[in-house]
C-alpha atoms as a PDB file:
ATOM      1  CA  MET A   1      26.025 -49.199  30.066  1.00  0.00           C
ATOM      2  CA  ALA A   2      23.481 -47.521  27.297  1.00  0.00           C
ATOM      3  CA  ARG A   3      24.051 -49.921  24.411  1.00  0.00           C
ATOM      4  CA  VAL A   4      23.166 -48.620  20.300  1.00  0.00           C
ATOM      5  CA  ARG A   5      23.732 -49.246  16.760  1.00  0.00           C
ATOM      6  CA  TYR A   6      25.427 -48.582  14.691  1.00  0.00           C
ATOM      7  CA  LEU A   7      23.234 -47.486  11.810  1.00  0.00           C
ATOM      8  CA  GLY A   8      26.702 -47.041   9.151  1.00  0.00           C
ATOM      9  CA  PRO A   9      26.781 -47.724   5.527  1.00  0.00           C
ATOM     10  CA  GLU A  10      30.828 -48.654   6.613  1.00  0.00           C
ATOM     11  CA  GLN A  11      32.848 -49.971   9.999  1.00  0.00           C
ATOM     12  CA  VAL A  12      34.393 -46.956  11.545  1.00  0.00           C
ATOM     13  CA  THR A  13      37.174 -46.578  14.032  1.00  0.00           C
ATOM     14  CA  VAL A  14      35.344 -45.534  17.716  1.00  0.00           C
ATOM     15  CA  PRO A  15      38.445 -44.111  19.485  1.00  0.00           C
ATOM     16  CA  GLU A  16      36.477 -43.458  22.404  1.00  0.00           C
ATOM     17  CA  LEU A  17      34.918 -46.839  22.889  1.00  0.00           C
ATOM     18  CA  GLY A  18      39.257 -48.626  21.743  1.00  0.00           C
ATOM     19  CA  ARG A  19      37.837 -50.178  18.334  1.00  0.00           C
ATOM     20  CA  THR A  20      36.291 -50.676  14.982  1.00  0.00           C
ATOM     21  CA  VAL A  21      32.701 -50.580  15.241  1.00  0.00           C
ATOM     22  CA  GLU A  22      30.783 -53.492  12.550  1.00  0.00           C
ATOM     23  CA  PRO A  23      27.756 -51.217  10.212  1.00  0.00           C
ATOM     24  CA  ASP A  24      24.644 -52.757  12.646  1.00  0.00           C
ATOM     25  CA  GLU A  25      26.675 -53.894  15.208  1.00  0.00           C
ATOM     26  CA  ILE A  26      25.031 -53.311  19.153  1.00  0.00           C
ATOM     27  CA  VAL A  27      28.293 -51.927  20.929  1.00  0.00           C
ATOM     28  CA  GLU A  28      28.422 -50.458  24.501  1.00  0.00           C
ATOM     29  CA  VAL A  29      28.697 -47.130  25.744  1.00  0.00           C
ATOM     30  CA  PRO A  30      29.714 -45.635  29.213  1.00  0.00           C
ATOM     31  CA  ASP A  31      26.495 -44.267  30.355  1.00  0.00           C
ATOM     32  CA  GLU A  32      28.107 -40.454  30.961  1.00  0.00           C
ATOM     33  CA  ARG A  33      28.977 -40.182  27.475  1.00  0.00           C
ATOM     34  CA  PHE A  34      25.272 -41.812  26.093  1.00  0.00           C
ATOM     35  CA  GLU A  35      23.405 -38.506  25.186  1.00  0.00           C
ATOM     36  CA  GLY A  36      26.953 -38.285  22.431  1.00  0.00           C
ATOM     37  CA  TYR A  37      25.608 -41.365  20.208  1.00  0.00           C
ATOM     38  CA  ALA A  38      22.377 -40.284  21.665  1.00  0.00           C
ATOM     39  CA  CYS A  39      22.353 -36.904  19.522  1.00  0.00           C
ATOM     40  CA  GLN A  40      23.580 -38.072  16.011  1.00  0.00           C
ATOM     41  CA  PRO A  41      20.111 -40.367  15.460  1.00  0.00           C
ATOM     42  CA  SER A  42      21.213 -41.033  11.367  1.00  0.00           C
ATOM     43  CA  ASN A  43      23.967 -42.588  12.799  1.00  0.00           C
ATOM     44  CA  TRP A  44      23.212 -44.622  16.058  1.00  0.00           C
ATOM     45  CA  GLU A  45      20.433 -46.177  17.281  1.00  0.00           C
ATOM     46  CA  VAL A  46      19.662 -46.371  20.778  1.00  0.00           C
ATOM     47  CA  ILE A  47      19.838 -49.666  22.235  1.00  0.00           C
ATOM     48  CA  GLU A  48      19.192 -49.200  25.789  1.00  0.00           C
ATOM     49  CA  GLU A  49      19.198 -46.555  28.056  1.00  0.00           C
ATOM     50  CA  PRO A  50      21.758 -45.050  30.539  1.00  0.00           C
ATOM     51  CA  LYS A  51      19.692 -46.692  34.234  1.00  0.00           C
ATOM     52  CA  ASP A  52      19.088 -44.297  36.520  1.00  0.00           C
ATOM     53  CA  GLU A  53      21.403 -45.551  39.406  1.00  0.00           C
ATOM     54  CA  ALA A  54      20.263 -42.468  41.733  1.00  0.00           C
ATOM     55  CA  ALA A  55      16.150 -43.243  41.404  1.00  0.00           C
ATOM     56  CA  PRO A  56      15.753 -45.469  43.836  1.00  0.00           C
ATOM     57  CA  ALA A  57      14.110 -49.276  44.323  1.00  0.00           C
ATOM     58  CA  PRO A  58      10.764 -49.070  44.017  1.00  0.00           C
ATOM     59  CA  LEU A  59       8.816 -49.786  47.589  1.00  0.00           C
ATOM     60  CA  LYS A  60       7.944 -53.973  47.729  1.00  0.00           C
ATOM     61  CA  LYS A  61       3.920 -54.735  48.666  1.00  0.00           C
ATOM     62  CA  THR A  62       4.932 -57.241  50.955  1.00  0.00           C
ATOM     63  CA  ALA A  63       7.028 -55.111  53.308  1.00  0.00           C
ATOM     64  CA  ALA A  64       4.281 -52.386  53.447  1.00  0.00           C
ATOM     65  CA  LYS A  65       1.347 -55.540  54.292  1.00  0.00           C
ATOM     66  CA  ALA A  66       3.930 -56.603  57.049  1.00  0.00           C
ATOM     67  CA  SER A  67       4.679 -53.388  58.706  1.00  0.00           C
ATOM     68  CA  GLN A  68       0.637 -52.279  58.879  1.00  0.00           C
ATOM     69  CA  LYS A  69      -0.534 -55.439  60.862  1.00  0.00           C
ATOM     70  CA  THR A  70       1.787 -54.457  62.978  1.00  0.00           C
ATOM     71  CA  GLU A  71       0.663 -51.318  63.969  1.00  0.00           C
ATOM     72  CA  GLY A  72      -2.884 -52.924  65.210  1.00  0.00           C
END
């Protein structure tokens, strides 16, 4: 989940989260709804963007070296 900080001067009820958020509080928001918060920079500060689940995992260098040794 992504994380954002509420920048408003007073507490606010966020029905989507099912709770009240206090000023300067960091909350987790659903990744698919992150843009709805990020597009309001006067109300929400982005702390952690959603993780890209579709991105491939980085290759390990040790695995590449091991495969080269067996080919030679």
